[in-house]
């Protein structure tokens, strides 16, 4: 599973990254968490509000910081 955090590095983006990493640890799954900070790549996804969360190339959330538990629910589907 590939989890991408889209954002330019603001505090909300950093919090979303931390929450995603914690969710992956707690679920004990093999997943790569990476950051996408290039504004060109972010807009290629169609995202106009950051932070955004993408799972395997599909945007599942944007414009808010999901909690660790919210991310765990999304990943578990």
PDB file of N, CA and C in Angstrom:
ATOM      1  N   UNK A   1       0.850  -1.176   0.000  1.00  0.00           N
ATOM      2  CA  UNK A   1       0.000   0.000   0.000  1.00  0.00           C
ATOM      3  C   UNK A   1       0.893   1.235   0.000  1.00  0.00           C
ATOM      4  N   UNK A   2       0.517   2.215  -0.796  1.00  0.00           N
ATOM      5  CA  UNK A   2       1.256   3.467  -0.848  1.00  0.00           C
ATOM      6  C   UNK A   2       0.353   4.591  -0.331  1.00  0.00           C
ATOM      7  N   UNK A   3       0.822   5.254   0.706  1.00  0.00           N
ATOM      8  CA  UNK A   3       0.089   6.366   1.307  1.00  0.00           C
ATOM      9  C   UNK A   3       0.882   7.631   1.034  1.00  0.00           C
ATOM     10  N   UNK A   4       0.224   8.611   0.429  1.00  0.00           N
ATOM     11  CA  UNK A   4       0.893   9.870   0.129  1.00  0.00           C
ATOM     12  C   UNK A   4       0.210  11.008   0.866  1.00  0.00           C
ATOM     13  N   UNK A   5       1.027  11.874   1.453  1.00  0.00           N
ATOM     14  CA  UNK A   5       0.543  13.089   2.092  1.00  0.00           C
ATOM     15  C   UNK A   5       0.896  14.230   1.146  1.00  0.00           C
ATOM     16  N   UNK A   6      -0.108  14.923   0.648  1.00  0.00           N
ATOM     17  CA  UNK A   6       0.113  16.022  -0.288  1.00  0.00           C
ATOM     18  C   UNK A   6       0.017  17.335   0.460  1.00  0.00           C
ATOM     19  N   UNK A   7       1.078  18.119   0.393  1.00  0.00           N
ATOM     20  CA  UNK A   7       1.111  19.416   1.050  1.00  0.00           C
ATOM     21  C   UNK A   7       2.509  19.993   0.999  1.00  0.00           C
ATOM     22  N   UNK A   8       2.610  21.280   1.217  1.00  0.00           N
ATOM     23  CA  UNK A   8       3.888  21.973   1.058  1.00  0.00           C
ATOM     24  C   UNK A   8       4.729  21.999   2.333  1.00  0.00           C
ATOM     25  N   UNK A   9       4.262  21.355   3.390  1.00  0.00           N
ATOM     26  CA  UNK A   9       5.069  21.274   4.605  1.00  0.00           C
ATOM     27  C   UNK A   9       4.558  22.109   5.761  1.00  0.00           C
ATOM     28  N   UNK A  10       3.312  22.517   5.693  1.00  0.00           N
ATOM     29  CA  UNK A  10       2.729  23.306   6.780  1.00  0.00           C
ATOM     30  C   UNK A  10       2.516  22.423   8.016  1.00  0.00           C
ATOM     31  N   UNK A  11       2.240  23.018   9.159  1.00  0.00           N
ATOM     32  CA  UNK A  11       2.016  22.220  10.372  1.00  0.00           C
ATOM     33  C   UNK A  11       0.903  21.180  10.214  1.00  0.00           C
ATOM     34  N   UNK A  12      -0.163  21.521   9.485  1.00  0.00           N
ATOM     35  CA  UNK A  12      -1.256  20.562   9.286  1.00  0.00           C
ATOM     36  C   UNK A  12      -0.772  19.367   8.461  1.00  0.00           C
ATOM     37  N   UNK A  13       0.066  19.629   7.476  1.00  0.00           N
ATOM     38  CA  UNK A  13       0.615  18.547   6.654  1.00  0.00           C
ATOM     39  C   UNK A  13       1.485  17.631   7.503  1.00  0.00           C
ATOM     40  N   UNK A  14       2.277  18.216   8.363  1.00  0.00           N
ATOM     41  CA  UNK A  14       3.141  17.431   9.238  1.00  0.00           C
ATOM     42  C   UNK A  14       2.322  16.598  10.209  1.00  0.00           C
ATOM     43  N   UNK A  15       1.233  17.148  10.711  1.00  0.00           N
ATOM     44  CA  UNK A  15       0.372  16.406  11.637  1.00  0.00           C
ATOM     45  C   UNK A  15      -0.298  15.242  10.921  1.00  0.00           C
ATOM     46  N   UNK A  16      -0.767  15.467   9.686  1.00  0.00           N
ATOM     47  CA  UNK A  16      -1.386  14.393   8.919  1.00  0.00           C
ATOM     48  C   UNK A  16      -0.382  13.276   8.652  1.00  0.00           C
ATOM     49  N   UNK A  17       0.851  13.636   8.363  1.00  0.00           N
ATOM     50  CA  UNK A  17       1.903  12.640   8.150  1.00  0.00           C
ATOM     51  C   UNK A  17       2.116  11.815   9.413  1.00  0.00           C
ATOM     52  N   UNK A  18       2.214  12.481  10.548  1.00  0.00           N
ATOM     53  CA  UNK A  18       2.411  11.778  11.824  1.00  0.00           C
ATOM     54  C   UNK A  18       1.231  10.848  12.121  1.00  0.00           C
ATOM     55  N   UNK A  19       0.013  11.315  11.853  1.00  0.00           N
ATOM     56  CA  UNK A  19      -1.173  10.495  12.099  1.00  0.00           C
ATOM     57  C   UNK A  19      -1.196   9.270  11.182  1.00  0.00           C
ATOM     58  N   UNK A  20      -0.807   9.462   9.918  1.00  0.00           N
ATOM     59  CA  UNK A  20      -0.777   8.339   8.971  1.00  0.00           C
ATOM     60  C   UNK A  20       0.270   7.311   9.388  1.00  0.00           C
ATOM     61  N   UNK A  21       1.436   7.783   9.793  1.00  0.00           N
ATOM     62  CA  UNK A  21       2.493   6.864  10.234  1.00  0.00           C
ATOM     63  C   UNK A  21       2.064   6.089  11.479  1.00  0.00           C
ATOM     64  N   UNK A  22       1.382   6.764  12.391  1.00  0.00           N
ATOM     65  CA  UNK A  22       0.902   6.101  13.609  1.00  0.00           C
ATOM     66  C   UNK A  22      -0.165   5.058  13.269  1.00  0.00           C
ATOM     67  N   UNK A  23      -1.044   5.373  12.338  1.00  0.00           N
ATOM     68  CA  UNK A  23      -2.094   4.428  11.923  1.00  0.00           C
ATOM     69  C   UNK A  23      -1.477   3.181  11.312  1.00  0.00           C
ATOM     70  N   UNK A  24      -0.471   3.360  10.471  1.00  0.00           N
ATOM     71  CA  UNK A  24       0.206   2.220   9.840  1.00  0.00           C
ATOM     72  C   UNK A  24       0.873   1.357  10.898  1.00  0.00           C
ATOM     73  N   UNK A  25       1.545   1.994  11.859  1.00  0.00           N
ATOM     74  CA  UNK A  25       2.203   1.246  12.944  1.00  0.00           C
ATOM     75  C   UNK A  25       1.187   0.435  13.746  1.00  0.00           C
ATOM     76  N   UNK A  26       0.082   1.086  14.116  1.00  0.00           N
ATOM     77  CA  UNK A  26      -0.916   0.408  14.954  1.00  0.00           C
ATOM     78  C   UNK A  26      -1.597  -0.742  14.224  1.00  0.00           C
ATOM     79  N   UNK A  27      -1.806  -0.580  12.915  1.00  0.00           N
ATOM     80  CA  UNK A  27      -2.431  -1.653  12.137  1.00  0.00           C
ATOM     81  C   UNK A  27      -1.419  -2.739  11.775  1.00  0.00           C
ATOM     82  N   UNK A  28      -0.135  -2.430  11.972  1.00  0.00           N
ATOM     83  CA  UNK A  28       0.941  -3.371  11.678  1.00  0.00           C
ATOM     84  C   UNK A  28       0.853  -3.895  10.241  1.00  0.00           C
ATOM     85  N   UNK A  29       0.755  -2.952   9.295  1.00  0.00           N
ATOM     86  CA  UNK A  29       0.665  -3.320   7.883  1.00  0.00           C
ATOM     87  C   UNK A  29       1.891  -2.799   7.138  1.00  0.00           C
ATOM     88  N   UNK A  30       2.137  -3.410   6.002  1.00  0.00           N
ATOM     89  CA  UNK A  30       3.241  -2.957   5.152  1.00  0.00           C
ATOM     90  C   UNK A  30       2.715  -1.834   4.272  1.00  0.00           C
ATOM     91  N   UNK A  31       3.165  -0.633   4.538  1.00  0.00           N
ATOM     92  CA  UNK A  31       2.734   0.520   3.754  1.00  0.00           C
ATOM     93  C   UNK A  31       3.873   1.526   3.696  1.00  0.00           C
ATOM     94  N   UNK A  32       3.969   2.177   2.559  1.00  0.00           N
ATOM     95  CA  UNK A  32       4.964   3.227   2.370  1.00  0.00           C
ATOM     96  C   UNK A  32       4.259   4.572   2.527  1.00  0.00           C
ATOM     97  N   UNK A  33       4.712   5.368   3.492  1.00  0.00           N
ATOM     98  CA  UNK A  33       4.157   6.710   3.697  1.00  0.00           C
ATOM     99  C   UNK A  33       5.154   7.708   3.130  1.00  0.00           C
ATOM    100  N   UNK A  34       4.700   8.491   2.162  1.00  0.00           N
ATOM    101  CA  UNK A  34       5.597   9.473   1.554  1.00  0.00           C
ATOM    102  C   UNK A  34       4.905  10.827   1.469  1.00  0.00           C
ATOM    103  N   UNK A  35       5.730  11.860   1.332  1.00  0.00           N
ATOM    104  CA  UNK A  35       5.225  13.233   1.233  1.00  0.00           C
ATOM    105  C   UNK A  35       5.368  13.707  -0.202  1.00  0.00           C
ATOM    106  N   UNK A  36       4.348  14.403  -0.687  1.00  0.00           N
ATOM    107  CA  UNK A  36       4.397  15.042  -2.002  1.00  0.00           C
ATOM    108  C   UNK A  36       4.324  16.538  -1.744  1.00  0.00           C
ATOM    109  N   UNK A  37       5.441  17.228  -1.969  1.00  0.00           N
ATOM    110  CA  UNK A  37       5.485  18.665  -1.683  1.00  0.00           C
ATOM    111  C   UNK A  37       5.524  19.513  -2.956  1.00  0.00           C
ATOM    112  N   UNK A  38       5.708  18.872  -4.097  1.00  0.00           N
ATOM    113  CA  UNK A  38       5.772  19.593  -5.373  1.00  0.00           C
ATOM    114  C   UNK A  38       4.367  20.059  -5.752  1.00  0.00           C
ATOM    115  N   UNK A  39       4.185  21.378  -5.838  1.00  0.00           N
ATOM    116  CA  UNK A  39       2.853  21.938  -6.104  1.00  0.00           C
ATOM    117  C   UNK A  39       2.306  21.465  -7.450  1.00  0.00           C
ATOM    118  N   UNK A  40       3.183  21.229  -8.417  1.00  0.00           N
ATOM    119  CA  UNK A  40       2.745  20.717  -9.717  1.00  0.00           C
ATOM    120  C   UNK A  40       2.135  19.331  -9.602  1.00  0.00           C
ATOM    121  N   UNK A  41       2.775  18.473  -8.818  1.00  0.00           N
ATOM    122  CA  UNK A  41       2.244  17.111  -8.631  1.00  0.00           C
ATOM    123  C   UNK A  41       0.949  17.144  -7.833  1.00  0.00           C
ATOM    124  N   UNK A  42       0.879  18.047  -6.861  1.00  0.00           N
ATOM    125  CA  UNK A  42      -0.338  18.162  -6.051  1.00  0.00           C
ATOM    126  C   UNK A  42      -1.514  18.565  -6.938  1.00  0.00           C
ATOM    127  N   UNK A  43      -1.303  19.533  -7.824  1.00  0.00           N
ATOM    128  CA  UNK A  43      -2.398  19.969  -8.696  1.00  0.00           C
ATOM    129  C   UNK A  43      -2.732  18.914  -9.751  1.00  0.00           C
ATOM    130  N   UNK A  44      -1.768  18.075 -10.121  1.00  0.00           N
ATOM    131  CA  UNK A  44      -2.061  16.968 -11.038  1.00  0.00           C
ATOM    132  C   UNK A  44      -3.102  16.023 -10.433  1.00  0.00           C
ATOM    133  N   UNK A  45      -3.092  15.900  -9.130  1.00  0.00           N
ATOM    134  CA  UNK A  45      -4.098  15.087  -8.436  1.00  0.00           C
ATOM    135  C   UNK A  45      -5.456  15.789  -8.394  1.00  0.00           C
ATOM    136  N   UNK A  46      -5.496  17.077  -8.745  1.00  0.00           N
ATOM    137  CA  UNK A  46      -6.735  17.839  -8.684  1.00  0.00           C
ATOM    138  C   UNK A  46      -7.000  18.424  -7.310  1.00  0.00           C
ATOM    139  N   UNK A  47      -5.995  18.430  -6.455  1.00  0.00           N
ATOM    140  CA  UNK A  47      -6.148  18.927  -5.086  1.00  0.00           C
ATOM    141  C   UNK A  47      -5.920  20.435  -5.061  1.00  0.00           C
ATOM    142  N   UNK A  48      -6.887  21.156  -4.507  1.00  0.00           N
ATOM    143  CA  UNK A  48      -6.766  22.604  -4.387  1.00  0.00           C
ATOM    144  C   UNK A  48      -6.610  23.040  -2.931  1.00  0.00           C
ATOM    145  N   UNK A  49      -6.877  22.132  -2.004  1.00  0.00           N
ATOM    146  CA  UNK A  49      -6.726  22.433  -0.578  1.00  0.00           C
ATOM    147  C   UNK A  49      -5.884  21.339   0.062  1.00  0.00           C
ATOM    148  N   UNK A  50      -4.848  21.752   0.774  1.00  0.00           N
ATOM    149  CA  UNK A  50      -4.012  20.788   1.466  1.00  0.00           C
ATOM    150  C   UNK A  50      -4.248  20.911   2.968  1.00  0.00           C
ATOM    151  N   UNK A  51      -3.898  19.909   3.732  1.00  0.00           N
ATOM    152  CA  UNK A  51      -3.253  18.677   3.309  1.00  0.00           C
ATOM    153  C   UNK A  51      -4.253  17.723   2.667  1.00  0.00           C
ATOM    154  N   UNK A  52      -3.717  16.799   1.885  1.00  0.00           N
ATOM    155  CA  UNK A  52      -4.540  15.768   1.271  1.00  0.00           C
ATOM    156  C   UNK A  52      -3.900  14.413   1.522  1.00  0.00           C
ATOM    157  N   UNK A  53      -4.724  13.396   1.501  1.00  0.00           N
ATOM    158  CA  UNK A  53      -4.262  12.029   1.733  1.00  0.00           C
ATOM    159  C   UNK A  53      -4.670  11.184   0.534  1.00  0.00           C
ATOM    160  N   UNK A  54      -3.693  10.486  -0.032  1.00  0.00           N
ATOM    161  CA  UNK A  54      -3.959   9.594  -1.164  1.00  0.00           C
ATOM    162  C   UNK A  54      -3.546   8.176  -0.797  1.00  0.00           C
ATOM    163  N   UNK A  55      -4.390   7.226  -1.165  1.00  0.00           N
ATOM    164  CA  UNK A  55      -4.077   5.810  -0.983  1.00  0.00           C
ATOM    165  C   UNK A  55      -3.947   5.187  -2.362  1.00  0.00           C
ATOM    166  N   UNK A  56      -2.794   4.627  -2.639  1.00  0.00           N
ATOM    167  CA  UNK A  56      -2.532   3.979  -3.927  1.00  0.00           C
ATOM    168  C   UNK A  56      -2.951   4.862  -5.103  1.00  0.00           C
ATOM    169  N   UNK A  57      -2.635   6.161  -4.999  1.00  0.00           N
ATOM    170  CA  UNK A  57      -2.877   7.089  -6.096  1.00  0.00           C
ATOM    171  C   UNK A  57      -4.263   7.702  -6.150  1.00  0.00           C
ATOM    172  N   UNK A  58      -5.131   7.375  -5.192  1.00  0.00           N
ATOM    173  CA  UNK A  58      -6.495   7.910  -5.160  1.00  0.00           C
ATOM    174  C   UNK A  58      -6.651   8.834  -3.956  1.00  0.00           C
ATOM    175  N   UNK A  59      -7.108  10.047  -4.199  1.00  0.00           N
ATOM    176  CA  UNK A  59      -7.334  11.002  -3.107  1.00  0.00           C
ATOM    177  C   UNK A  59      -8.525  10.529  -2.274  1.00  0.00           C
ATOM    178  N   UNK A  60      -8.314  10.411  -0.964  1.00  0.00           N
ATOM    179  CA  UNK A  60      -9.392   9.990  -0.061  1.00  0.00           C
ATOM    180  C   UNK A  60      -9.798  11.104   0.904  1.00  0.00           C
ATOM    181  N   UNK A  61      -8.980  12.148   0.992  1.00  0.00           N
ATOM    182  CA  UNK A  61      -9.297  13.270   1.871  1.00  0.00           C
ATOM    183  C   UNK A  61      -8.462  14.475   1.463  1.00  0.00           C
ATOM    184  N   UNK A  62      -9.049  15.668   1.596  1.00  0.00           N
ATOM    185  CA  UNK A  62      -8.284  16.884   1.364  1.00  0.00           C
ATOM    186  C   UNK A  62      -8.854  18.022   2.181  1.00  0.00           C
ATOM    187  N   UNK A  63      -7.988  18.981   2.511  1.00  0.00           N
ATOM    188  CA  UNK A  63      -8.421  20.177   3.215  1.00  0.00           C
ATOM    189  C   UNK A  63      -8.612  20.031   4.712  1.00  0.00           C
ATOM    190  N   UNK A  64      -8.258  18.866   5.274  1.00  0.00           N
ATOM    191  CA  UNK A  64      -8.387  18.699   6.720  1.00  0.00           C
ATOM    192  C   UNK A  64      -7.374  17.676   7.209  1.00  0.00           C
ATOM    193  N   UNK A  65      -7.142  17.714   8.502  1.00  0.00           N
ATOM    194  CA  UNK A  65      -6.221  16.770   9.137  1.00  0.00           C
ATOM    195  C   UNK A  65      -7.054  15.632   9.716  1.00  0.00           C
ATOM    196  N   UNK A  66      -6.932  14.466   9.108  1.00  0.00           N
ATOM    197  CA  UNK A  66      -7.626  13.294   9.629  1.00  0.00           C
ATOM    198  C   UNK A  66      -6.919  12.801  10.889  1.00  0.00           C
ATOM    199  N   UNK A  67      -7.689  12.294  11.819  1.00  0.00           N
ATOM    200  CA  UNK A  67      -7.094  11.709  13.022  1.00  0.00           C
ATOM    201  C   UNK A  67      -6.510  10.345  12.679  1.00  0.00           C
ATOM    202  N   UNK A  68      -5.703   9.837  13.572  1.00  0.00           N
ATOM    203  CA  UNK A  68      -5.121   8.503  13.403  1.00  0.00           C
ATOM    204  C   UNK A  68      -6.233   7.474  13.231  1.00  0.00           C
ATOM    205  N   UNK A  69      -7.291   7.560  14.037  1.00  0.00           N
ATOM    206  CA  UNK A  69      -8.378   6.584  13.962  1.00  0.00           C
ATOM    207  C   UNK A  69      -9.148   6.693  12.650  1.00  0.00           C
ATOM    208  N   UNK A  70      -9.349   7.921  12.152  1.00  0.00           N
ATOM    209  CA  UNK A  70     -10.015   8.092  10.861  1.00  0.00           C
ATOM    210  C   UNK A  70      -9.189   7.455   9.738  1.00  0.00           C
ATOM    211  N   UNK A  71      -7.878   7.625   9.807  1.00  0.00           N
ATOM    212  CA  UNK A  71      -6.995   7.040   8.793  1.00  0.00           C
ATOM    213  C   UNK A  71      -7.025   5.522   8.889  1.00  0.00           C
ATOM    214  N   UNK A  72      -7.049   4.994  10.109  1.00  0.00           N
ATOM    215  CA  UNK A  72      -7.101   3.540  10.278  1.00  0.00           C
ATOM    216  C   UNK A  72      -8.369   2.967   9.638  1.00  0.00           C
ATOM    217  N   UNK A  73      -9.507   3.662   9.790  1.00  0.00           N
ATOM    218  CA  UNK A  73     -10.755   3.196   9.181  1.00  0.00           C
ATOM    219  C   UNK A  73     -10.656   3.189   7.661  1.00  0.00           C
ATOM    220  N   UNK A  74     -10.057   4.227   7.096  1.00  0.00           N
ATOM    221  CA  UNK A  74      -9.911   4.314   5.639  1.00  0.00           C
ATOM    222  C   UNK A  74      -8.995   3.214   5.126  1.00  0.00           C
ATOM    223  N   UNK A  75      -7.874   3.004   5.796  1.00  0.00           N
ATOM    224  CA  UNK A  75      -6.920   1.987   5.370  1.00  0.00           C
ATOM    225  C   UNK A  75      -7.522   0.587   5.467  1.00  0.00           C
ATOM    226  N   UNK A  76      -8.333   0.361   6.475  1.00  0.00           N
ATOM    227  CA  UNK A  76      -8.876  -0.976   6.736  1.00  0.00           C
ATOM    228  C   UNK A  76      -9.968  -1.391   5.750  1.00  0.00           C
ATOM    229  N   UNK A  77     -10.499  -0.460   4.991  1.00  0.00           N
ATOM    230  CA  UNK A  77     -11.589  -0.786   4.051  1.00  0.00           C
ATOM    231  C   UNK A  77     -11.104  -1.641   2.931  1.00  0.00           C
TER     232      UNK A  77
END
